[in-house]
Amino acid sequence: MDYIKSFGEGYGAKVVLLNVYGLPTLTEYNNYPAYPLESAYSVEQQSEAILKRAKAALGDVPFEIITISEAGNPAATILDAAEKNECDLIIMCTHGM
C-alpha cells in the first residue's frame, strides 16, 4: 500500500482498487448449470470487504480512490478495468489483501 500511496501523492493519480473473484463451482440442478446464490453473495461480500480494508489502509489521501469488485477471469478483468479507467500503471499485490 505504501507504493500505491506514494504514486498517488507524487503524481496526483487516480487510484483504482480492483478485486477480481471467482464464483462458486457450478453444480447441476434439473440438468441446468447452477450455483447456490448465497455462495455467490458471500464471495461478492468478501470481495467488497477486501476493498474496504484496502481503501482504509490508504488512509486520508489527497487523491481519488475508486473501488471495483468484479467476478471473472482475473487477467481479462484486470485488462478490461485498466482500459476502461485509462490506467497507466498497474500495481498488484502478491498475495491479495
C-alpha atoms as a PDB file:
ATOM      1  CA  MET A   1       0.000   0.000   0.000  1.00  0.00           C
ATOM      2  CA  ASP A   2       2.972   2.321   0.533  1.00  0.00           C
ATOM      3  CA  TYR A   3       3.807   2.163  -3.192  1.00  0.00           C
ATOM      4  CA  ILE A   4       0.240   2.997  -4.146  1.00  0.00           C
ATOM      5  CA  LYS A   5       0.161   5.889  -1.705  1.00  0.00           C
ATOM      6  CA  SER A   6       3.464   7.313  -2.945  1.00  0.00           C
ATOM      7  CA  PHE A   7       2.398   7.108  -6.605  1.00  0.00           C
ATOM      8  CA  GLY A   8      -0.980   8.665  -5.864  1.00  0.00           C
ATOM      9  CA  GLU A   9       0.516  11.510  -3.885  1.00  0.00           C
ATOM     10  CA  GLY A  10       3.557  12.025  -6.129  1.00  0.00           C
ATOM     11  CA  TYR A  11       1.687  12.121  -9.416  1.00  0.00           C
ATOM     12  CA  GLY A  12      -1.774  13.253  -8.367  1.00  0.00           C
ATOM     13  CA  ALA A  13      -3.034   9.967  -9.742  1.00  0.00           C
ATOM     14  CA  LYS A  14      -6.477   8.454  -9.554  1.00  0.00           C
ATOM     15  CA  VAL A  15      -6.157   5.073  -7.828  1.00  0.00           C
ATOM     16  CA  VAL A  16      -8.375   2.172  -8.854  1.00  0.00           C
ATOM     17  CA  LEU A  17      -8.543  -0.659  -6.325  1.00  0.00           C
ATOM     18  CA  LEU A  18      -9.768  -3.782  -8.111  1.00  0.00           C
ATOM     19  CA  ASN A  19     -10.627  -7.154  -6.629  1.00  0.00           C
ATOM     20  CA  VAL A  20     -11.450  -9.965  -9.037  1.00  0.00           C
ATOM     21  CA  TYR A  21     -13.144 -13.008  -7.575  1.00  0.00           C
ATOM     22  CA  GLY A  22     -14.315 -16.334  -8.901  1.00  0.00           C
ATOM     23  CA  LEU A  23     -17.851 -17.557  -8.487  1.00  0.00           C
ATOM     24  CA  PRO A  24     -18.524 -20.839  -6.691  1.00  0.00           C
ATOM     25  CA  THR A  25     -18.237 -24.013  -8.722  1.00  0.00           C
ATOM     26  CA  LEU A  26     -21.254 -24.822 -10.849  1.00  0.00           C
ATOM     27  CA  THR A  27     -23.449 -27.750  -9.963  1.00  0.00           C
ATOM     28  CA  GLU A  28     -26.408 -29.214 -11.815  1.00  0.00           C
ATOM     29  CA  TYR A  29     -29.999 -28.625 -10.860  1.00  0.00           C
ATOM     30  CA  ASN A  30     -32.593 -30.334 -13.045  1.00  0.00           C
ATOM     31  CA  ASN A  31     -29.970 -30.655 -15.792  1.00  0.00           C
ATOM     32  CA  TYR A  32     -29.172 -26.920 -15.731  1.00  0.00           C
ATOM     33  CA  PRO A  33     -25.890 -25.455 -14.511  1.00  0.00           C
ATOM     34  CA  ALA A  34     -26.404 -23.602 -11.246  1.00  0.00           C
ATOM     35  CA  TYR A  35     -24.645 -22.469  -8.111  1.00  0.00           C
ATOM     36  CA  PRO A  36     -26.105 -21.514  -4.765  1.00  0.00           C
ATOM     37  CA  LEU A  37     -26.928 -17.789  -4.771  1.00  0.00           C
ATOM     38  CA  GLU A  38     -25.965 -17.445  -1.128  1.00  0.00           C
ATOM     39  CA  SER A  39     -22.451 -18.615  -2.055  1.00  0.00           C
ATOM     40  CA  ALA A  40     -22.198 -16.030  -4.828  1.00  0.00           C
ATOM     41  CA  TYR A  41     -23.393 -13.255  -2.491  1.00  0.00           C
ATOM     42  CA  SER A  42     -20.918 -14.360   0.166  1.00  0.00           C
ATOM     43  CA  VAL A  43     -17.994 -14.235  -2.271  1.00  0.00           C
ATOM     44  CA  GLU A  44     -19.075 -10.813  -3.505  1.00  0.00           C
ATOM     45  CA  GLN A  45     -19.389  -9.526   0.072  1.00  0.00           C
ATOM     46  CA  GLN A  46     -15.902 -10.842   0.892  1.00  0.00           C
ATOM     47  CA  SER A  47     -14.529  -9.041  -2.168  1.00  0.00           C
ATOM     48  CA  GLU A  48     -16.174  -5.779  -1.124  1.00  0.00           C
ATOM     49  CA  ALA A  49     -14.793  -6.185   2.412  1.00  0.00           C
ATOM     50  CA  ILE A  50     -11.284  -6.641   0.987  1.00  0.00           C
ATOM     51  CA  LEU A  51     -11.644  -3.409  -0.978  1.00  0.00           C
ATOM     52  CA  LYS A  52     -12.982  -1.568   2.062  1.00  0.00           C
ATOM     53  CA  ARG A  53      -9.926  -2.665   4.103  1.00  0.00           C
ATOM     54  CA  ALA A  54      -7.571  -1.687   1.266  1.00  0.00           C
ATOM     55  CA  LYS A  55      -9.111   1.768   0.978  1.00  0.00           C
ATOM     56  CA  ALA A  56      -8.944   2.215   4.762  1.00  0.00           C
ATOM     57  CA  ALA A  57      -5.268   1.170   4.725  1.00  0.00           C
ATOM     58  CA  LEU A  58      -4.512   4.097   2.412  1.00  0.00           C
ATOM     59  CA  GLY A  59      -5.978   6.447   4.998  1.00  0.00           C
ATOM     60  CA  ASP A  60      -6.860  10.061   4.280  1.00  0.00           C
ATOM     61  CA  VAL A  61      -5.206  10.811   0.944  1.00  0.00           C
ATOM     62  CA  PRO A  62      -5.330  13.799  -1.435  1.00  0.00           C
ATOM     63  CA  PHE A  63      -6.230  11.711  -4.490  1.00  0.00           C
ATOM     64  CA  GLU A  64      -9.309   9.948  -5.831  1.00  0.00           C
ATOM     65  CA  ILE A  65      -9.809   6.269  -4.972  1.00  0.00           C
ATOM     66  CA  ILE A  66     -12.219   4.107  -6.942  1.00  0.00           C
ATOM     67  CA  THR A  67     -13.080   0.571  -5.832  1.00  0.00           C
ATOM     68  CA  ILE A  68     -14.245  -2.130  -8.247  1.00  0.00           C
ATOM     69  CA  SER A  69     -15.346  -5.626  -7.297  1.00  0.00           C
ATOM     70  CA  GLU A  70     -15.965  -7.970 -10.232  1.00  0.00           C
ATOM     71  CA  ALA A  71     -16.387 -11.663 -10.882  1.00  0.00           C
ATOM     72  CA  GLY A  72     -14.467 -13.155 -13.763  1.00  0.00           C
ATOM     73  CA  ASN A  73     -11.195 -14.273 -15.217  1.00  0.00           C
ATOM     74  CA  PRO A  74      -8.522 -12.276 -13.361  1.00  0.00           C
ATOM     75  CA  ALA A  75      -6.295 -11.478 -16.362  1.00  0.00           C
ATOM     76  CA  ALA A  76      -9.150 -10.425 -18.642  1.00  0.00           C
ATOM     77  CA  THR A  77     -10.910  -8.458 -15.898  1.00  0.00           C
ATOM     78  CA  ILE A  78      -7.736  -6.589 -14.918  1.00  0.00           C
ATOM     79  CA  LEU A  79      -7.031  -5.635 -18.534  1.00  0.00           C
ATOM     80  CA  ASP A  80     -10.643  -4.571 -19.093  1.00  0.00           C
ATOM     81  CA  ALA A  81     -10.661  -2.405 -15.939  1.00  0.00           C
ATOM     82  CA  ALA A  82      -7.310  -0.873 -16.908  1.00  0.00           C
ATOM     83  CA  GLU A  83      -8.669   0.072 -20.328  1.00  0.00           C
ATOM     84  CA  LYS A  84     -11.992   1.426 -19.015  1.00  0.00           C
ATOM     85  CA  ASN A  85     -10.246   3.528 -16.359  1.00  0.00           C
ATOM     86  CA  GLU A  86      -7.399   4.627 -18.653  1.00  0.00           C
ATOM     87  CA  CYS A  87      -4.758   3.248 -16.284  1.00  0.00           C
ATOM     88  CA  ASP A  88      -1.099   3.998 -16.984  1.00  0.00           C
ATOM     89  CA  LEU A  89       0.290   1.688 -14.309  1.00  0.00           C
ATOM     90  CA  ILE A  90      -0.866  -1.500 -12.612  1.00  0.00           C
ATOM     91  CA  ILE A  91       0.454  -2.373  -9.156  1.00  0.00           C
ATOM     92  CA  MET A  92      -0.502  -5.838  -7.941  1.00  0.00           C
ATOM     93  CA  CYS A  93      -0.296  -7.478  -4.533  1.00  0.00           C
ATOM     94  CA  THR A  94       1.493 -10.812  -4.490  1.00  0.00           C
ATOM     95  CA  HIS A  95      -0.877 -12.491  -2.044  1.00  0.00           C
ATOM     96  CA  GLY A  96      -4.034 -10.387  -2.034  1.00  0.00           C
ATOM     97  CA  MET A  97      -5.219  -8.294   0.875  1.00  0.00           C
END
